[in-house]
Amino acid sequence: MNISFRKICAYTTGFLITISLVACAGDPLESGLDPYAPMVFKEGVTKMPLTPPNSASLVPFYVSERTIFKFAVDTDSIAIGNDGVTRYIVVMTNPSGEKQAQYEGIRCDSFQWRLYGTLENNVWRENPLSSWRAIQTDVPNRYQAALAQGALCNFTSQEKSMTAVQKSLNPRNFTGGTQPTNSFGVE
């Protein structure tokens, strides 16, 4: 009887250990698949645009009363990426009328921006020193902040609807800056 009792105890112990291991395999903390764990950002591949900004799809937007530049975004270039980055072409015009176009991206989750490249002699040149930078909200030329707050982000989440982005960029609806009542981003 003592031998059969030991066998029963051994089988029971083995069974309990097996059940415990099976239960741990489904535990997200043990398996490493915790759905609540913070995600590590992994940027997707970014290809430079093939063409200059389309003047027909340039939409001006208001930045701040302290800036002397005018800003417009090429709505045809806006790409809402699955990696959480919204990419776009922005055109800046200085007071003498000279224009500069840049291809950039915005991350809403971290409120950062990145310069991928600039348009030089109608050819896109990639920025070899490109890195993510914090979006500045307290400078006169705060156009990344205006775009993020006014159209591309929904608080700290990326706006996923292109229709919503384009509706937000409408000069009469744009809320990217403290807009004076007599200004819609154009003269």
N, C-alpha and C. Protein backbone atom coordinates (compact mmCIF):
# COMPACT_ATOMS: atom_id res chain seq x y z
N MET A 1 0.81 -1.19 0.00
CA MET A 1 0.00 0.00 0.00
C MET A 1 0.86 1.26 0.00
N ASN A 2 1.99 1.20 0.64
CA ASN A 2 2.89 2.33 0.70
C ASN A 2 3.42 2.67 -0.70
N ILE A 3 3.68 1.64 -1.53
CA ILE A 3 4.19 1.86 -2.87
C ILE A 3 3.11 2.50 -3.75
N SER A 4 1.88 2.05 -3.65
CA SER A 4 0.81 2.64 -4.46
C SER A 4 0.52 4.08 -4.02
N PHE A 5 0.66 4.39 -2.74
CA PHE A 5 0.47 5.77 -2.26
C PHE A 5 1.54 6.68 -2.85
N ARG A 6 2.79 6.18 -2.92
CA ARG A 6 3.88 6.97 -3.50
C ARG A 6 3.64 7.20 -4.99
N LYS A 7 3.14 6.18 -5.69
CA LYS A 7 2.85 6.33 -7.11
C LYS A 7 1.76 7.37 -7.33
N ILE A 8 0.73 7.33 -6.52
CA ILE A 8 -0.36 8.31 -6.64
C ILE A 8 0.17 9.72 -6.37
N CYS A 9 1.00 9.86 -5.34
CA CYS A 9 1.58 11.18 -5.05
C CYS A 9 2.47 11.65 -6.19
N ALA A 10 3.26 10.75 -6.76
CA ALA A 10 4.15 11.12 -7.86
C ALA A 10 3.33 11.53 -9.08
N TYR A 11 2.29 10.76 -9.42
CA TYR A 11 1.43 11.12 -10.56
C TYR A 11 0.72 12.45 -10.32
N THR A 12 0.24 12.65 -9.10
CA THR A 12 -0.46 13.90 -8.77
C THR A 12 0.49 15.08 -8.87
N THR A 13 1.70 14.93 -8.34
CA THR A 13 2.69 15.99 -8.41
C THR A 13 3.04 16.31 -9.86
N GLY A 14 3.28 15.28 -10.65
CA GLY A 14 3.58 15.47 -12.07
C GLY A 14 2.45 16.15 -12.80
N PHE A 15 1.21 15.74 -12.50
CA PHE A 15 0.03 16.35 -13.12
C PHE A 15 -0.07 17.83 -12.76
N LEU A 16 0.13 18.16 -11.47
CA LEU A 16 0.06 19.55 -11.03
C LEU A 16 1.16 20.41 -11.66
N ILE A 17 2.36 19.86 -11.80
CA ILE A 17 3.45 20.61 -12.44
C ILE A 17 3.13 20.86 -13.91
N THR A 18 2.58 19.84 -14.59
CA THR A 18 2.21 20.00 -16.00
C THR A 18 1.12 21.06 -16.16
N ILE A 19 0.12 21.01 -15.32
CA ILE A 19 -0.96 22.01 -15.37
C ILE A 19 -0.39 23.41 -15.12
N SER A 20 0.52 23.55 -14.17
CA SER A 20 1.12 24.86 -13.88
C SER A 20 1.91 25.38 -15.07
N LEU A 21 2.67 24.51 -15.73
CA LEU A 21 3.44 24.94 -16.90
C LEU A 21 2.53 25.35 -18.06
N VAL A 22 1.47 24.59 -18.27
CA VAL A 22 0.53 24.93 -19.34
C VAL A 22 -0.14 26.27 -19.04
N ALA A 23 -0.50 26.48 -17.78
CA ALA A 23 -1.14 27.74 -17.40
C ALA A 23 -0.19 28.92 -17.59
N CYS A 24 1.09 28.74 -17.29
CA CYS A 24 2.07 29.83 -17.46
C CYS A 24 2.32 30.14 -18.93
N ALA A 25 2.21 29.12 -19.78
CA ALA A 25 2.46 29.35 -21.21
C ALA A 25 1.44 30.33 -21.79
N GLY A 26 0.24 30.39 -21.25
CA GLY A 26 -0.78 31.31 -21.73
C GLY A 26 -0.72 32.66 -21.05
N ASP A 27 0.13 32.83 -20.06
CA ASP A 27 0.25 34.08 -19.32
C ASP A 27 1.05 35.08 -20.15
N PRO A 28 0.47 36.23 -20.50
CA PRO A 28 1.19 37.18 -21.35
C PRO A 28 2.50 37.66 -20.74
N LEU A 29 2.57 37.71 -19.43
CA LEU A 29 3.81 38.16 -18.80
C LEU A 29 4.91 37.12 -18.96
N GLU A 30 4.52 35.84 -18.99
CA GLU A 30 5.48 34.76 -19.17
C GLU A 30 5.84 34.57 -20.64
N SER A 31 4.87 34.74 -21.53
CA SER A 31 5.10 34.48 -22.95
C SER A 31 5.74 35.67 -23.66
N GLY A 32 5.73 36.84 -23.05
CA GLY A 32 6.29 38.02 -23.68
C GLY A 32 5.33 38.70 -24.64
N LEU A 33 4.08 38.33 -24.66
CA LEU A 33 3.09 38.90 -25.57
C LEU A 33 2.07 39.74 -24.80
N ASP A 34 2.54 40.51 -23.87
CA ASP A 34 1.65 41.34 -23.06
C ASP A 34 1.01 42.42 -23.92
N PRO A 35 -0.31 42.38 -24.07
CA PRO A 35 -0.96 43.38 -24.92
C PRO A 35 -0.91 44.79 -24.33
N TYR A 36 -0.60 44.92 -23.06
CA TYR A 36 -0.56 46.23 -22.42
C TYR A 36 0.86 46.78 -22.31
N ALA A 37 1.82 46.01 -22.76
CA ALA A 37 3.21 46.47 -22.69
C ALA A 37 3.42 47.60 -23.71
N PRO A 38 4.28 48.56 -23.40
CA PRO A 38 4.53 49.64 -24.36
C PRO A 38 5.17 49.07 -25.63
N MET A 39 4.75 49.62 -26.75
CA MET A 39 5.28 49.16 -28.04
C MET A 39 6.57 49.91 -28.35
N VAL A 40 7.51 49.24 -28.94
CA VAL A 40 8.75 49.85 -29.38
C VAL A 40 8.51 50.36 -30.81
N PHE A 41 8.83 51.63 -31.04
CA PHE A 41 8.60 52.23 -32.35
C PHE A 41 9.56 51.66 -33.37
N LYS A 42 9.02 51.22 -34.49
CA LYS A 42 9.83 50.74 -35.61
C LYS A 42 9.31 51.43 -36.85
N GLU A 43 10.11 52.34 -37.37
CA GLU A 43 9.70 53.12 -38.53
C GLU A 43 9.76 52.28 -39.80
N GLY A 44 8.74 52.45 -40.64
CA GLY A 44 8.71 51.77 -41.92
C GLY A 44 9.66 52.43 -42.91
N VAL A 45 9.77 51.84 -44.06
CA VAL A 45 10.63 52.37 -45.12
C VAL A 45 10.00 53.65 -45.67
N THR A 46 10.82 54.68 -45.81
CA THR A 46 10.35 55.96 -46.35
C THR A 46 11.02 56.21 -47.69
N LYS A 47 10.20 56.36 -48.72
CA LYS A 47 10.73 56.66 -50.05
C LYS A 47 10.50 58.14 -50.32
N MET A 48 11.49 58.75 -50.94
CA MET A 48 11.38 60.16 -51.29
C MET A 48 10.33 60.32 -52.39
N PRO A 49 9.63 61.46 -52.42
CA PRO A 49 8.66 61.71 -53.49
C PRO A 49 9.36 61.71 -54.86
N LEU A 50 8.59 61.41 -55.88
CA LEU A 50 9.15 61.37 -57.23
C LEU A 50 8.98 62.69 -57.97
N THR A 51 8.02 63.51 -57.52
CA THR A 51 7.71 64.75 -58.22
C THR A 51 7.74 65.93 -57.25
N PRO A 52 7.89 67.14 -57.77
CA PRO A 52 7.79 68.34 -56.93
C PRO A 52 6.37 68.48 -56.39
N PRO A 53 6.16 69.39 -55.44
CA PRO A 53 4.81 69.61 -54.93
C PRO A 53 3.87 70.04 -56.05
N ASN A 54 2.64 69.59 -55.96
CA ASN A 54 1.62 69.94 -56.95
C ASN A 54 1.01 71.27 -56.53
N SER A 55 1.20 72.31 -57.33
CA SER A 55 0.70 73.63 -56.97
C SER A 55 -0.82 73.65 -56.89
N ALA A 56 -1.50 72.77 -57.60
CA ALA A 56 -2.97 72.73 -57.57
C ALA A 56 -3.49 72.15 -56.26
N SER A 57 -2.68 71.37 -55.57
CA SER A 57 -3.16 70.76 -54.32
C SER A 57 -2.49 71.36 -53.08
N LEU A 58 -1.81 72.50 -53.24
CA LEU A 58 -1.22 73.18 -52.09
C LEU A 58 -2.32 73.90 -51.29
N VAL A 59 -2.38 73.60 -50.00
CA VAL A 59 -3.37 74.23 -49.13
C VAL A 59 -2.61 75.04 -48.08
N PRO A 60 -2.78 76.37 -48.07
CA PRO A 60 -2.12 77.18 -47.05
C PRO A 60 -2.72 76.92 -45.68
N PHE A 61 -1.88 77.06 -44.65
CA PHE A 61 -2.39 76.91 -43.28
C PHE A 61 -1.73 77.95 -42.38
N TYR A 62 -2.47 78.33 -41.37
CA TYR A 62 -2.04 79.37 -40.43
C TYR A 62 -1.08 78.78 -39.41
N VAL A 63 0.01 79.50 -39.12
CA VAL A 63 1.01 79.02 -38.17
C VAL A 63 1.02 79.87 -36.90
N SER A 64 1.32 81.15 -37.03
CA SER A 64 1.32 82.03 -35.85
C SER A 64 1.36 83.48 -36.32
N GLU A 65 0.97 84.37 -35.44
CA GLU A 65 1.00 85.79 -35.79
C GLU A 65 2.42 86.33 -35.79
N ARG A 66 3.38 85.59 -35.24
CA ARG A 66 4.76 86.06 -35.15
C ARG A 66 5.61 85.66 -36.35
N THR A 67 5.14 84.80 -37.22
CA THR A 67 5.94 84.37 -38.36
C THR A 67 5.83 85.34 -39.53
N ILE A 68 6.90 85.42 -40.31
CA ILE A 68 6.87 86.25 -41.52
C ILE A 68 6.76 85.36 -42.76
N PHE A 69 6.79 84.04 -42.57
CA PHE A 69 6.71 83.09 -43.67
C PHE A 69 5.27 82.66 -43.91
N LYS A 70 5.02 82.13 -45.11
CA LYS A 70 3.73 81.52 -45.43
C LYS A 70 3.98 80.03 -45.61
N PHE A 71 3.02 79.23 -45.19
CA PHE A 71 3.18 77.78 -45.23
C PHE A 71 2.00 77.15 -45.95
N ALA A 72 2.29 76.10 -46.71
CA ALA A 72 1.25 75.33 -47.39
C ALA A 72 1.67 73.87 -47.40
N VAL A 73 0.70 72.99 -47.38
CA VAL A 73 0.96 71.55 -47.44
C VAL A 73 0.35 71.01 -48.73
N ASP A 74 1.07 70.12 -49.38
CA ASP A 74 0.59 69.47 -50.59
C ASP A 74 -0.29 68.30 -50.15
N THR A 75 -1.60 68.47 -50.30
CA THR A 75 -2.52 67.44 -49.81
C THR A 75 -2.40 66.14 -50.59
N ASP A 76 -1.91 66.20 -51.84
CA ASP A 76 -1.69 64.97 -52.61
C ASP A 76 -0.55 64.14 -52.03
N SER A 77 0.34 64.78 -51.29
CA SER A 77 1.53 64.09 -50.77
C SER A 77 1.30 63.47 -49.39
N ILE A 78 0.22 63.78 -48.72
CA ILE A 78 0.01 63.28 -47.37
C ILE A 78 -0.17 61.77 -47.40
N ALA A 79 0.66 61.08 -46.62
CA ALA A 79 0.59 59.62 -46.52
C ALA A 79 0.49 59.24 -45.05
N ILE A 80 -0.61 58.58 -44.69
CA ILE A 80 -0.83 58.13 -43.32
C ILE A 80 -0.25 56.73 -43.21
N GLY A 81 0.91 56.61 -42.59
CA GLY A 81 1.63 55.34 -42.53
C GLY A 81 1.11 54.41 -41.45
N ASN A 82 1.22 53.11 -41.71
CA ASN A 82 0.86 52.10 -40.72
C ASN A 82 1.84 52.07 -39.56
N ASP A 83 3.00 52.69 -39.72
CA ASP A 83 4.00 52.73 -38.66
C ASP A 83 3.75 53.87 -37.67
N GLY A 84 2.67 54.63 -37.85
CA GLY A 84 2.35 55.73 -36.95
C GLY A 84 2.92 57.06 -37.39
N VAL A 85 3.52 57.11 -38.57
CA VAL A 85 4.11 58.35 -39.09
C VAL A 85 3.25 58.86 -40.24
N THR A 86 2.90 60.14 -40.18
CA THR A 86 2.21 60.79 -41.29
C THR A 86 3.24 61.63 -42.02
N ARG A 87 3.41 61.33 -43.31
CA ARG A 87 4.41 62.00 -44.14
C ARG A 87 3.72 62.98 -45.08
N TYR A 88 4.42 64.08 -45.43
CA TYR A 88 3.82 65.14 -46.23
C TYR A 88 4.90 66.02 -46.81
N ILE A 89 4.51 66.80 -47.84
CA ILE A 89 5.39 67.84 -48.40
C ILE A 89 4.85 69.18 -47.91
N VAL A 90 5.74 69.99 -47.36
CA VAL A 90 5.38 71.33 -46.93
C VAL A 90 6.17 72.32 -47.78
N VAL A 91 5.51 73.41 -48.15
CA VAL A 91 6.15 74.48 -48.93
C VAL A 91 6.15 75.74 -48.09
N MET A 92 7.35 76.32 -47.92
CA MET A 92 7.50 77.55 -47.15
C MET A 92 7.88 78.67 -48.10
N THR A 93 7.24 79.82 -47.94
CA THR A 93 7.52 80.97 -48.79
C THR A 93 8.00 82.11 -47.90
N ASN A 94 9.18 82.65 -48.23
CA ASN A 94 9.70 83.76 -47.43
C ASN A 94 9.10 85.08 -47.93
N PRO A 95 9.34 86.19 -47.22
CA PRO A 95 8.72 87.47 -47.60
C PRO A 95 9.08 87.94 -49.02
N SER A 96 10.23 87.52 -49.56
CA SER A 96 10.59 87.95 -50.91
C SER A 96 10.01 87.02 -51.98
N GLY A 97 9.25 86.00 -51.57
CA GLY A 97 8.57 85.13 -52.53
C GLY A 97 9.31 83.85 -52.88
N GLU A 98 10.52 83.67 -52.36
CA GLU A 98 11.26 82.44 -52.63
C GLU A 98 10.64 81.29 -51.86
N LYS A 99 10.59 80.12 -52.52
CA LYS A 99 9.94 78.95 -51.92
C LYS A 99 10.95 77.86 -51.62
N GLN A 100 10.65 77.11 -50.59
CA GLN A 100 11.43 75.92 -50.24
C GLN A 100 10.44 74.81 -49.93
N ALA A 101 10.68 73.61 -50.49
CA ALA A 101 9.82 72.46 -50.23
C ALA A 101 10.60 71.42 -49.46
N GLN A 102 9.95 70.82 -48.48
CA GLN A 102 10.57 69.79 -47.66
C GLN A 102 9.62 68.60 -47.55
N TYR A 103 10.21 67.41 -47.46
CA TYR A 103 9.45 66.19 -47.23
C TYR A 103 9.71 65.79 -45.79
N GLU A 104 8.63 65.71 -44.99
CA GLU A 104 8.77 65.50 -43.55
C GLU A 104 7.80 64.45 -43.06
N GLY A 105 7.96 64.07 -41.81
CA GLY A 105 7.04 63.16 -41.16
C GLY A 105 6.77 63.61 -39.74
N ILE A 106 5.58 63.27 -39.23
CA ILE A 106 5.19 63.61 -37.86
C ILE A 106 4.73 62.34 -37.15
N ARG A 107 5.22 62.17 -35.91
CA ARG A 107 4.75 61.11 -35.01
C ARG A 107 3.91 61.77 -33.93
N CYS A 108 2.65 61.39 -33.86
CA CYS A 108 1.75 62.00 -32.88
C CYS A 108 1.97 61.44 -31.49
N ASP A 109 2.31 60.16 -31.39
CA ASP A 109 2.46 59.53 -30.08
C ASP A 109 3.58 60.16 -29.25
N SER A 110 4.63 60.62 -29.90
CA SER A 110 5.75 61.23 -29.19
C SER A 110 5.90 62.73 -29.48
N PHE A 111 5.01 63.28 -30.34
CA PHE A 111 5.03 64.68 -30.74
C PHE A 111 6.41 65.06 -31.27
N GLN A 112 6.85 64.32 -32.31
CA GLN A 112 8.14 64.54 -32.93
C GLN A 112 7.97 64.69 -34.44
N TRP A 113 8.98 65.27 -35.08
CA TRP A 113 8.99 65.43 -36.53
C TRP A 113 10.36 65.04 -37.07
N ARG A 114 10.38 64.75 -38.37
CA ARG A 114 11.62 64.33 -39.02
C ARG A 114 11.67 64.91 -40.43
N LEU A 115 12.82 65.47 -40.80
CA LEU A 115 13.04 65.99 -42.15
C LEU A 115 13.69 64.89 -42.98
N TYR A 116 12.94 64.37 -43.96
CA TYR A 116 13.48 63.31 -44.82
C TYR A 116 14.30 63.88 -45.97
N GLY A 117 13.90 65.04 -46.49
CA GLY A 117 14.66 65.61 -47.59
C GLY A 117 14.10 66.94 -48.05
N THR A 118 14.84 67.59 -48.94
CA THR A 118 14.45 68.89 -49.48
C THR A 118 14.46 68.84 -51.00
N LEU A 119 13.69 69.72 -51.60
CA LEU A 119 13.63 69.83 -53.05
C LEU A 119 14.66 70.87 -53.50
N GLU A 120 15.64 70.42 -54.31
CA GLU A 120 16.68 71.31 -54.82
C GLU A 120 16.74 71.16 -56.34
N ASN A 121 16.47 72.23 -57.06
CA ASN A 121 16.47 72.22 -58.53
C ASN A 121 15.54 71.13 -59.08
N ASN A 122 14.34 71.05 -58.51
CA ASN A 122 13.31 70.08 -58.90
C ASN A 122 13.73 68.63 -58.72
N VAL A 123 14.70 68.36 -57.85
CA VAL A 123 15.12 67.00 -57.52
C VAL A 123 15.12 66.86 -56.00
N TRP A 124 14.51 65.80 -55.51
CA TRP A 124 14.48 65.56 -54.06
C TRP A 124 15.83 65.03 -53.60
N ARG A 125 16.38 65.69 -52.57
CA ARG A 125 17.65 65.29 -51.97
C ARG A 125 17.37 64.77 -50.56
N GLU A 126 17.80 63.55 -50.32
CA GLU A 126 17.58 62.94 -49.01
C GLU A 126 18.48 63.60 -47.98
N ASN A 127 17.97 63.75 -46.76
CA ASN A 127 18.73 64.33 -45.66
C ASN A 127 19.51 63.21 -44.97
N PRO A 128 20.83 63.16 -45.09
CA PRO A 128 21.60 62.07 -44.50
C PRO A 128 21.66 62.13 -42.97
N LEU A 129 21.38 63.28 -42.40
CA LEU A 129 21.44 63.44 -40.94
C LEU A 129 20.05 63.43 -40.31
N SER A 130 19.08 62.88 -41.02
CA SER A 130 17.70 62.88 -40.55
C SER A 130 17.55 62.12 -39.24
N SER A 131 16.86 62.74 -38.29
CA SER A 131 16.57 62.09 -37.01
C SER A 131 15.29 62.70 -36.45
N TRP A 132 14.68 62.00 -35.51
CA TRP A 132 13.46 62.50 -34.89
C TRP A 132 13.79 63.61 -33.90
N ARG A 133 13.02 64.71 -33.98
CA ARG A 133 13.21 65.86 -33.10
C ARG A 133 11.88 66.22 -32.46
N ALA A 134 11.96 66.83 -31.29
CA ALA A 134 10.74 67.28 -30.61
C ALA A 134 10.12 68.43 -31.39
N ILE A 135 8.81 68.43 -31.49
CA ILE A 135 8.10 69.54 -32.14
C ILE A 135 8.07 70.72 -31.19
N GLN A 136 8.49 71.88 -31.67
CA GLN A 136 8.51 73.10 -30.87
C GLN A 136 7.17 73.82 -30.99
N THR A 137 6.63 74.24 -29.86
CA THR A 137 5.35 74.95 -29.88
C THR A 137 5.49 76.43 -29.57
N ASP A 138 6.69 76.86 -29.15
CA ASP A 138 6.84 78.24 -28.71
C ASP A 138 7.79 79.06 -29.59
N VAL A 139 7.87 78.70 -30.87
CA VAL A 139 8.71 79.46 -31.81
C VAL A 139 7.81 80.03 -32.90
N PRO A 140 8.20 81.14 -33.53
CA PRO A 140 7.33 81.74 -34.55
C PRO A 140 7.00 80.80 -35.72
N ASN A 141 7.98 80.06 -36.21
CA ASN A 141 7.76 79.18 -37.36
C ASN A 141 7.43 77.76 -36.89
N ARG A 142 6.41 77.63 -36.09
CA ARG A 142 6.01 76.37 -35.47
C ARG A 142 5.07 75.58 -36.38
N TYR A 143 5.42 75.45 -37.65
CA TYR A 143 4.49 74.85 -38.59
C TYR A 143 4.25 73.36 -38.33
N GLN A 144 5.27 72.63 -37.80
CA GLN A 144 5.03 71.22 -37.48
C GLN A 144 3.99 71.10 -36.38
N ALA A 145 4.07 71.98 -35.38
CA ALA A 145 3.08 71.96 -34.30
C ALA A 145 1.70 72.31 -34.83
N ALA A 146 1.64 73.30 -35.73
CA ALA A 146 0.35 73.69 -36.30
C ALA A 146 -0.27 72.53 -37.08
N LEU A 147 0.54 71.84 -37.89
CA LEU A 147 0.02 70.70 -38.66
C LEU A 147 -0.42 69.56 -37.74
N ALA A 148 0.42 69.26 -36.75
CA ALA A 148 0.10 68.16 -35.83
C ALA A 148 -1.19 68.47 -35.06
N GLN A 149 -1.26 69.65 -34.47
CA GLN A 149 -2.40 70.00 -33.64
C GLN A 149 -3.65 70.30 -34.45
N GLY A 150 -3.47 70.78 -35.67
CA GLY A 150 -4.62 71.20 -36.45
C GLY A 150 -5.20 70.16 -37.37
N ALA A 151 -4.39 69.14 -37.78
CA ALA A 151 -4.91 68.22 -38.79
C ALA A 151 -4.39 66.79 -38.68
N LEU A 152 -3.11 66.60 -38.43
CA LEU A 152 -2.54 65.27 -38.57
C LEU A 152 -2.68 64.38 -37.34
N CYS A 153 -2.89 64.98 -36.18
CA CYS A 153 -2.99 64.20 -34.94
C CYS A 153 -4.34 64.40 -34.29
N ASN A 154 -4.76 63.39 -33.58
CA ASN A 154 -5.95 63.44 -32.76
C ASN A 154 -5.45 63.26 -31.33
N PHE A 155 -5.08 64.36 -30.71
CA PHE A 155 -4.37 64.40 -29.43
C PHE A 155 -3.04 63.67 -29.61
N THR A 156 -2.81 62.51 -28.95
CA THR A 156 -1.54 61.81 -29.10
C THR A 156 -1.66 60.62 -30.04
N SER A 157 -2.72 60.55 -30.81
CA SER A 157 -2.90 59.46 -31.77
C SER A 157 -2.86 60.02 -33.19
N GLN A 158 -2.39 59.20 -34.09
CA GLN A 158 -2.35 59.57 -35.50
C GLN A 158 -3.77 59.58 -36.06
N GLU A 159 -4.12 60.64 -36.78
CA GLU A 159 -5.42 60.69 -37.45
C GLU A 159 -5.34 59.72 -38.63
N LYS A 160 -6.22 58.73 -38.65
CA LYS A 160 -6.17 57.67 -39.66
C LYS A 160 -7.04 57.97 -40.88
N SER A 161 -7.93 58.95 -40.79
CA SER A 161 -8.85 59.25 -41.89
C SER A 161 -8.32 60.40 -42.74
N MET A 162 -8.06 60.11 -44.01
CA MET A 162 -7.60 61.16 -44.92
C MET A 162 -8.68 62.22 -45.10
N THR A 163 -9.94 61.80 -45.07
CA THR A 163 -11.04 62.75 -45.19
C THR A 163 -11.02 63.73 -44.03
N ALA A 164 -10.79 63.23 -42.82
CA ALA A 164 -10.73 64.10 -41.64
C ALA A 164 -9.53 65.05 -41.72
N VAL A 165 -8.40 64.55 -42.20
CA VAL A 165 -7.22 65.40 -42.34
C VAL A 165 -7.50 66.54 -43.32
N GLN A 166 -8.05 66.21 -44.47
CA GLN A 166 -8.33 67.23 -45.48
C GLN A 166 -9.39 68.22 -45.01
N LYS A 167 -10.38 67.72 -44.29
CA LYS A 167 -11.40 68.63 -43.74
C LYS A 167 -10.77 69.58 -42.72
N SER A 168 -9.86 69.06 -41.89
CA SER A 168 -9.19 69.90 -40.90
C SER A 168 -8.28 70.94 -41.54
N LEU A 169 -7.71 70.60 -42.69
CA LEU A 169 -6.82 71.55 -43.37
C LEU A 169 -7.56 72.67 -44.08
N ASN A 170 -8.86 72.55 -44.23
CA ASN A 170 -9.65 73.62 -44.83
C ASN A 170 -9.38 74.90 -44.05
N PRO A 171 -8.94 75.98 -44.71
CA PRO A 171 -8.57 77.19 -43.99
C PRO A 171 -9.65 77.72 -43.05
N ARG A 172 -10.90 77.46 -43.33
CA ARG A 172 -11.96 77.95 -42.45
C ARG A 172 -12.13 77.08 -41.20
N ASN A 173 -11.60 75.85 -41.23
CA ASN A 173 -11.72 74.94 -40.09
C ASN A 173 -10.42 74.75 -39.34
N PHE A 174 -9.30 75.18 -39.92
CA PHE A 174 -7.98 74.85 -39.36
C PHE A 174 -7.80 75.46 -37.98
N THR A 175 -7.36 74.63 -37.02
CA THR A 175 -7.18 75.09 -35.64
C THR A 175 -5.76 74.86 -35.15
N GLY A 176 -4.78 74.85 -36.06
CA GLY A 176 -3.40 74.56 -35.68
C GLY A 176 -2.72 75.67 -34.90
N GLY A 177 -3.25 76.84 -34.91
CA GLY A 177 -2.67 77.94 -34.16
C GLY A 177 -3.78 78.83 -33.66
N THR A 178 -3.44 79.82 -32.88
CA THR A 178 -4.43 80.79 -32.45
C THR A 178 -4.63 81.72 -33.60
N GLN A 179 -5.70 81.49 -34.31
CA GLN A 179 -5.94 82.15 -35.58
C GLN A 179 -6.72 83.47 -35.38
N PRO A 180 -6.16 84.58 -35.84
CA PRO A 180 -6.93 85.82 -35.76
C PRO A 180 -8.18 85.70 -36.63
N THR A 181 -9.20 86.46 -36.30
CA THR A 181 -10.46 86.35 -37.04
C THR A 181 -10.36 86.82 -38.47
N ASN A 182 -9.33 87.60 -38.81
CA ASN A 182 -9.22 88.10 -40.17
C ASN A 182 -8.21 87.32 -41.01
N SER A 183 -7.73 86.18 -40.50
CA SER A 183 -6.71 85.44 -41.23
C SER A 183 -7.09 83.98 -41.39
N PHE A 184 -6.97 83.51 -42.61
CA PHE A 184 -7.17 82.09 -42.88
C PHE A 184 -5.91 81.51 -43.49
N GLY A 185 -4.74 82.06 -43.16
CA GLY A 185 -3.49 81.58 -43.67
C GLY A 185 -3.11 82.12 -45.03
N VAL A 186 -3.95 83.01 -45.57
CA VAL A 186 -3.66 83.61 -46.87
C VAL A 186 -3.77 85.11 -46.72
N GLU A 187 -3.23 85.82 -47.73
CA GLU A 187 -3.33 87.29 -47.67
C GLU A 187 -4.73 87.77 -47.99
